[in-house]
Amino acid sequence: MVEKTRLGVTELIVNPIGLGTNAVGGHNIYPNLSDETGKEVVRTALENGINFLDTAYIYGPEHSERLIGEVIKERGNRADVVIATKGSHKRVVDKMVHDNSPAFLTQSVESSLKRLQTDYIDLFYIHFPDQDTPKAEAVGALKRLKDEGKIRAIGVSNFSIDQLKEANIHGDVDVVQGEYNLFKRGAEEQLLPYCSENDISFVPYFPLASGLLGGKYTPDTKFDDGRAKNPMFQGEQFVRNLSKVDQLREIAAAHEAEVAHVVLAWYLTVEAIDAIIPGAKKPEQVLNNLKTLQVRLTPEDIRKIDLIFKN
């Protein structure tokens, strides 16, 4: 039996291992995705105790929400699923801009409800801040939608600490999503402490650093996607990064687990983090992510992992 966890002070009770769904219908993110495989990924998650699905308007765009809506409709048990989605992207002629205005966020929630075929969204995030809208005003629009029962919890994503403080001036922000992993620990300086102090749940994205923390790459691995231009995956820095990952193998072996499971388990020891949302392109990857729950890191493991990646 999986021990569920609460997101911050919300009424959302989730498996600590959720599912990031940018590879479910995210044809604008990954080439050669199969919609049927994507739906099978979601089915596998739900059938094996994962109840926290993280999607967004921009995955597709719109298509990820539609596929998730279809799977939940066919299952017929909406109350068992915690759906998080995000909005802020607006198409203007041939480019995307961000809009946090109350009118646009309200419209975004209504559109997501239709695509997801549901009458409420458990957690709605402002996906990215815009330049113009006062953040308290943007969150105020989501508070009204919460009061109407259209959303159950309010999130912000990719906000700086100053934007978060402004957004949370009335204490209405429940969840923050941001980039955080063992290689990118900037959130530890201000975001994570602020979340802890204010009972806000922090959900990290890119927890495995685009696969770098998965323990599967060697110095000879070649990339033909966005990683090919990412400094973390190039030259000496790539070799140094792999050397750090190699130091996790001994800990993983002691727990009869994979490196990725140890990394994901470490995040769940961080005070502000209640749940994580690793992605999956195939059903078997969903089942593999769940093995994280079998890893019980010792205080010494936690300290050692922290030190390896401290610099």
Protein backbone atom coordinates (compact mmCIF):
# COMPACT_ATOMS: atom_id res chain seq x y z
CA MET A 1 0.00 0.00 0.00
CA VAL A 2 1.48 3.34 -1.06
CA GLU A 3 1.67 5.94 1.68
CA LYS A 4 0.05 8.99 0.14
CA THR A 5 1.09 12.56 0.90
CA ARG A 6 -0.66 15.92 1.03
CA LEU A 7 0.39 18.78 -1.25
CA GLY A 8 1.07 21.66 1.15
CA VAL A 9 -2.09 22.53 3.07
CA THR A 10 -4.45 21.60 0.21
CA GLU A 11 -6.98 18.79 0.22
CA LEU A 12 -5.00 17.08 -2.56
CA ILE A 13 -3.73 13.68 -1.38
CA VAL A 14 -1.33 12.10 -3.86
CA ASN A 15 1.11 9.30 -4.45
CA PRO A 16 4.54 10.96 -3.94
CA ILE A 17 5.44 9.65 -7.41
CA GLY A 18 3.29 11.42 -9.97
CA LEU A 19 3.46 11.41 -13.76
CA GLY A 20 4.72 14.28 -15.89
CA THR A 21 2.87 14.03 -19.19
CA ASN A 22 4.72 16.21 -21.69
CA ALA A 23 5.39 12.99 -23.66
CA VAL A 24 1.65 12.20 -23.70
CA GLY A 25 0.48 14.06 -26.78
CA GLY A 26 3.37 16.52 -26.63
CA HIS A 27 4.11 16.31 -30.34
CA ASN A 28 5.63 19.80 -30.25
CA ILE A 29 8.17 18.58 -27.68
CA TYR A 30 9.07 15.06 -28.81
CA PRO A 31 9.10 13.64 -32.36
CA ASN A 32 7.37 10.39 -33.28
CA LEU A 33 4.99 10.11 -30.32
CA SER A 34 2.10 7.67 -30.55
CA ASP A 35 -1.19 8.87 -29.07
CA GLU A 36 -2.17 5.32 -28.19
CA THR A 37 1.12 4.74 -26.36
CA GLY A 38 0.60 8.03 -24.55
CA LYS A 39 -2.84 6.94 -23.38
CA GLU A 40 -1.41 3.59 -22.31
CA VAL A 41 1.21 5.44 -20.23
CA VAL A 42 -1.61 7.25 -18.40
CA ARG A 43 -3.64 4.03 -17.97
CA THR A 44 -0.59 2.21 -16.58
CA ALA A 45 0.02 5.01 -14.09
CA LEU A 46 -3.56 5.03 -12.86
CA GLU A 47 -3.79 1.24 -12.69
CA ASN A 48 -0.64 1.05 -10.56
CA GLY A 49 -1.42 3.60 -7.88
CA ILE A 50 -0.18 6.85 -9.45
CA ASN A 51 -3.01 9.35 -9.03
CA PHE A 52 -1.20 12.67 -9.70
CA LEU A 53 -1.03 13.69 -13.38
CA ASP A 54 0.79 16.85 -14.46
CA THR A 55 -0.06 18.31 -17.86
CA ALA A 56 -0.29 21.74 -19.53
CA TYR A 57 -1.97 23.56 -22.40
CA ILE A 58 1.37 23.86 -24.22
CA TYR A 59 1.96 20.07 -24.36
CA GLY A 60 0.67 19.50 -27.87
CA PRO A 61 -0.50 22.29 -27.65
CA GLU A 62 -3.82 21.15 -26.11
CA HIS A 63 -3.35 17.51 -27.11
CA SER A 64 -1.97 16.15 -23.84
CA GLU A 65 -5.01 17.45 -21.95
CA ARG A 66 -7.34 15.87 -24.52
CA LEU A 67 -5.71 12.44 -24.28
CA ILE A 68 -5.77 12.52 -20.48
CA GLY A 69 -9.42 13.56 -20.59
CA GLU A 70 -10.21 10.58 -22.82
CA VAL A 71 -8.49 8.10 -20.48
CA ILE A 72 -10.20 9.47 -17.38
CA LYS A 73 -13.58 9.46 -19.15
CA GLU A 74 -13.18 5.81 -20.17
CA ARG A 75 -12.23 4.84 -16.59
CA GLY A 76 -15.24 6.64 -15.19
CA ASN A 77 -13.71 7.47 -11.80
CA ARG A 78 -12.72 11.12 -11.83
CA ALA A 79 -12.55 11.47 -8.03
CA ASP A 80 -9.57 9.09 -7.83
CA VAL A 81 -7.35 11.31 -9.98
CA VAL A 82 -5.55 14.55 -9.08
CA ILE A 83 -5.08 16.53 -12.30
CA ALA A 84 -2.66 19.44 -12.48
CA THR A 85 -2.56 21.59 -15.60
CA LYS A 86 -1.03 24.92 -16.54
CA GLY A 87 -1.82 27.95 -18.66
CA SER A 88 -0.24 31.28 -19.70
CA HIS A 89 0.73 30.61 -23.33
CA LYS A 90 -1.33 32.59 -25.82
CA ARG A 91 -0.96 32.36 -29.57
CA VAL A 92 -0.64 35.79 -31.18
CA VAL A 93 -0.48 35.47 -34.97
CA ASP A 94 2.38 32.96 -35.40
CA LYS A 95 4.10 33.15 -32.01
CA MET A 96 3.39 32.28 -28.40
CA VAL A 97 3.36 34.96 -25.69
CA HIS A 98 2.54 34.72 -21.98
CA ASP A 99 -0.60 36.29 -20.56
CA ASN A 100 -1.44 36.28 -16.83
CA SER A 101 -4.38 38.68 -17.09
CA PRO A 102 -7.45 37.59 -15.10
CA ALA A 103 -9.53 37.40 -18.29
CA PHE A 104 -7.04 35.14 -20.05
CA LEU A 105 -6.44 32.86 -17.03
CA THR A 106 -10.20 32.47 -16.60
CA GLN A 107 -10.53 31.58 -20.28
CA SER A 108 -7.58 29.15 -19.97
CA VAL A 109 -9.22 27.29 -17.10
CA GLU A 110 -12.53 27.05 -18.99
CA SER A 111 -10.74 25.70 -22.09
CA SER A 112 -8.76 23.16 -20.05
CA LEU A 113 -11.96 21.95 -18.38
CA LYS A 114 -13.44 21.20 -21.81
CA ARG A 115 -10.34 19.38 -23.09
CA LEU A 116 -10.04 17.34 -19.89
CA GLN A 117 -13.81 16.60 -20.01
CA THR A 118 -14.19 17.46 -16.33
CA ASP A 119 -16.01 20.07 -14.28
CA TYR A 120 -13.07 20.85 -11.98
CA ILE A 121 -9.26 20.93 -12.12
CA ASP A 122 -7.46 19.88 -8.96
CA LEU A 123 -4.44 22.15 -9.39
CA PHE A 124 -4.09 24.96 -11.91
CA TYR A 125 -0.72 26.66 -12.36
CA ILE A 126 0.15 29.95 -14.01
CA HIS A 127 2.75 28.31 -16.28
CA PHE A 128 5.05 31.33 -16.77
CA PRO A 129 4.91 34.89 -15.49
CA ASP A 130 4.14 37.63 -18.01
CA GLN A 131 5.71 41.08 -18.05
CA ASP A 132 2.67 43.19 -17.24
CA THR A 133 0.12 41.61 -14.93
CA PRO A 134 0.53 42.24 -11.18
CA LYS A 135 1.00 38.74 -9.76
CA ALA A 136 -1.47 39.23 -6.90
CA GLU A 137 -4.09 40.18 -9.49
CA ALA A 138 -3.38 37.02 -11.51
CA VAL A 139 -3.66 34.80 -8.43
CA GLY A 140 -6.79 36.71 -7.43
CA ALA A 141 -8.45 35.48 -10.63
CA LEU A 142 -7.56 31.89 -9.74
CA LYS A 143 -8.88 32.44 -6.19
CA ARG A 144 -12.25 33.41 -7.67
CA LEU A 145 -12.23 30.24 -9.81
CA LYS A 146 -11.35 28.25 -6.68
CA ASP A 147 -14.26 29.82 -4.81
CA GLU A 148 -16.52 28.81 -7.73
CA GLY A 149 -15.30 25.19 -7.46
CA LYS A 150 -13.66 25.16 -10.88
CA ILE A 151 -10.19 24.59 -9.43
CA ARG A 152 -9.23 23.13 -6.04
CA ALA A 153 -5.72 24.53 -5.61
CA ILE A 154 -3.62 27.37 -7.00
CA GLY A 155 -0.11 26.99 -8.39
CA VAL A 156 2.55 29.14 -10.00
CA SER A 157 5.42 27.87 -12.14
CA ASN A 158 8.74 29.43 -13.18
CA PHE A 159 8.23 32.40 -10.82
CA SER A 160 11.20 34.17 -9.25
CA ILE A 161 11.22 34.59 -5.48
CA ASP A 162 10.02 38.20 -5.82
CA GLN A 163 7.20 37.21 -8.17
CA LEU A 164 6.21 34.41 -5.79
CA LYS A 165 6.11 36.75 -2.80
CA GLU A 166 3.91 39.16 -4.73
CA ALA A 167 1.67 36.34 -5.94
CA ASN A 168 1.29 35.00 -2.40
CA ILE A 169 0.59 38.31 -0.68
CA HIS A 170 -2.78 36.98 0.55
CA GLY A 171 -1.50 33.44 1.20
CA ASP A 172 -3.39 31.92 -1.74
CA VAL A 173 -0.54 30.07 -3.49
CA ASP A 174 -0.65 26.35 -2.68
CA VAL A 175 2.03 24.86 -4.95
CA VAL A 176 5.12 26.13 -6.75
CA GLN A 177 6.67 24.28 -9.68
CA GLY A 178 10.19 25.08 -10.77
CA GLU A 179 13.34 23.61 -12.20
CA TYR A 180 15.32 21.77 -9.54
CA ASN A 181 17.65 18.82 -9.63
CA LEU A 182 21.00 17.78 -8.19
CA PHE A 183 22.82 19.75 -10.90
CA LYS A 184 20.59 22.84 -10.68
CA ARG A 185 20.09 23.68 -7.02
CA GLY A 186 19.39 27.42 -7.22
CA ALA A 187 15.93 26.89 -5.69
CA GLU A 188 17.64 25.99 -2.39
CA GLU A 189 18.74 29.60 -1.88
CA GLN A 190 15.34 31.26 -1.50
CA LEU A 191 12.46 29.42 -3.16
CA LEU A 192 12.58 26.21 -1.10
CA PRO A 193 12.99 27.99 2.27
CA TYR A 194 10.11 30.36 1.40
CA CYS A 195 7.90 27.40 0.44
CA SER A 196 8.73 25.60 3.70
CA GLU A 197 8.00 28.68 5.80
CA ASN A 198 4.66 29.27 4.05
CA ASP A 199 3.37 25.68 3.85
CA ILE A 200 3.67 25.71 0.06
CA SER A 201 4.50 22.47 -1.74
CA PHE A 202 7.38 22.65 -4.24
CA VAL A 203 7.17 20.32 -7.25
CA PRO A 204 10.46 20.07 -9.16
CA TYR A 205 10.55 19.64 -12.91
CA PHE A 206 13.47 18.12 -14.88
CA PRO A 207 14.25 16.04 -11.75
CA LEU A 208 16.56 13.77 -13.76
CA ALA A 209 18.17 16.67 -15.66
CA SER A 210 16.99 15.44 -19.08
CA GLY A 211 18.29 11.95 -18.30
CA LEU A 212 21.73 13.01 -17.07
CA LEU A 213 20.93 11.81 -13.55
CA GLY A 214 19.55 8.50 -14.79
CA GLY A 215 22.90 6.72 -14.80
CA LYS A 216 22.50 5.49 -18.39
CA TYR A 217 24.91 7.80 -20.28
CA THR A 218 28.64 7.39 -20.94
CA PRO A 219 31.19 9.96 -22.23
CA ASP A 220 30.60 8.49 -25.72
CA THR A 221 26.82 9.09 -25.70
CA LYS A 222 25.75 11.34 -28.57
CA PHE A 223 22.59 13.48 -28.60
CA ASP A 224 20.55 14.62 -31.60
CA ASP A 225 18.00 16.74 -29.73
CA GLY A 226 18.14 19.91 -27.60
CA ARG A 227 20.74 18.31 -25.32
CA ALA A 228 23.30 18.55 -28.13
CA LYS A 229 23.47 22.33 -27.49
CA ASN A 230 23.21 22.15 -23.70
CA PRO A 231 26.57 22.85 -21.98
CA MET A 232 25.74 20.21 -19.34
CA PHE A 233 26.02 17.59 -22.09
CA GLN A 234 29.19 18.89 -23.75
CA GLY A 235 32.92 18.35 -23.42
CA GLU A 236 34.64 18.47 -20.05
CA GLN A 237 31.51 19.53 -18.21
CA PHE A 238 29.67 16.44 -19.47
CA VAL A 239 32.54 14.21 -18.30
CA ARG A 240 32.59 15.91 -14.86
CA ASN A 241 28.84 15.53 -14.53
CA LEU A 242 28.99 11.83 -15.39
CA SER A 243 31.74 11.38 -12.81
CA LYS A 244 29.38 12.73 -10.12
CA VAL A 245 26.59 10.42 -11.28
CA ASP A 246 29.02 7.47 -11.13
CA GLN A 247 29.52 8.15 -7.42
CA LEU A 248 25.84 7.31 -6.88
CA ARG A 249 26.24 3.75 -8.17
CA GLU A 250 27.53 2.41 -4.86
CA ILE A 251 24.52 3.84 -3.00
CA ALA A 252 22.15 2.47 -5.65
CA ALA A 253 23.76 -0.98 -5.43
CA ALA A 254 23.35 -0.99 -1.64
CA HIS A 255 19.63 -0.44 -2.12
CA GLU A 256 19.37 -2.85 -5.07
CA ALA A 257 18.03 0.08 -7.06
CA GLU A 258 18.92 2.12 -10.12
CA VAL A 259 20.71 5.47 -9.92
CA ALA A 260 17.52 7.24 -11.03
CA HIS A 261 15.56 5.74 -8.12
CA VAL A 262 18.14 6.98 -5.62
CA VAL A 263 18.06 10.48 -7.12
CA LEU A 264 14.27 10.66 -7.07
CA ALA A 265 14.17 9.28 -3.51
CA TRP A 266 16.61 12.01 -2.43
CA TYR A 267 14.23 14.75 -3.61
CA LEU A 268 11.49 13.32 -1.41
CA THR A 269 13.74 13.94 1.62
CA VAL A 270 13.80 17.70 0.86
CA GLU A 271 11.49 19.51 3.27
CA ALA A 272 9.33 21.48 0.82
CA ILE A 273 8.97 18.62 -1.70
CA ASP A 274 5.93 16.39 -1.17
CA ALA A 275 5.73 14.84 -4.64
CA ILE A 276 7.73 14.52 -7.83
CA ILE A 277 6.55 14.12 -11.43
CA PRO A 278 9.04 12.12 -13.52
CA GLY A 279 7.90 11.70 -17.09
CA ALA A 280 7.53 8.55 -19.15
CA LYS A 281 7.30 7.79 -22.86
CA LYS A 282 6.47 4.09 -22.36
CA PRO A 283 4.33 2.20 -19.85
CA GLU A 284 7.35 0.26 -18.54
CA GLN A 285 9.02 3.55 -17.59
CA VAL A 286 6.02 4.38 -15.39
CA LEU A 287 6.45 1.10 -13.52
CA ASN A 288 10.18 1.73 -13.21
CA ASN A 289 9.62 5.20 -11.71
CA LEU A 290 7.41 3.62 -9.03
CA LYS A 291 10.36 1.55 -7.77
CA THR A 292 11.60 4.80 -6.21
CA LEU A 293 9.12 4.19 -3.38
CA GLN A 294 11.05 1.07 -2.34
CA VAL A 295 14.24 3.08 -1.68
CA ARG A 296 14.75 4.16 1.95
CA LEU A 297 17.80 6.38 2.06
CA THR A 298 19.76 6.52 5.31
CA PRO A 299 20.81 9.88 6.81
CA GLU A 300 24.35 9.04 5.66
CA ASP A 301 23.13 8.40 2.08
CA ILE A 302 21.29 11.72 2.07
CA ARG A 303 24.36 13.59 3.31
CA LYS A 304 26.68 11.85 0.85
CA ILE A 305 24.46 12.63 -2.17
CA ASP A 306 24.19 16.25 -1.02
CA LEU A 307 27.98 16.59 -0.81
CA ILE A 308 28.68 14.96 -4.20
CA PHE A 309 26.55 17.58 -5.96
CA LYS A 310 27.13 20.54 -3.65
CA ASN A 311 29.48 22.40 -6.00
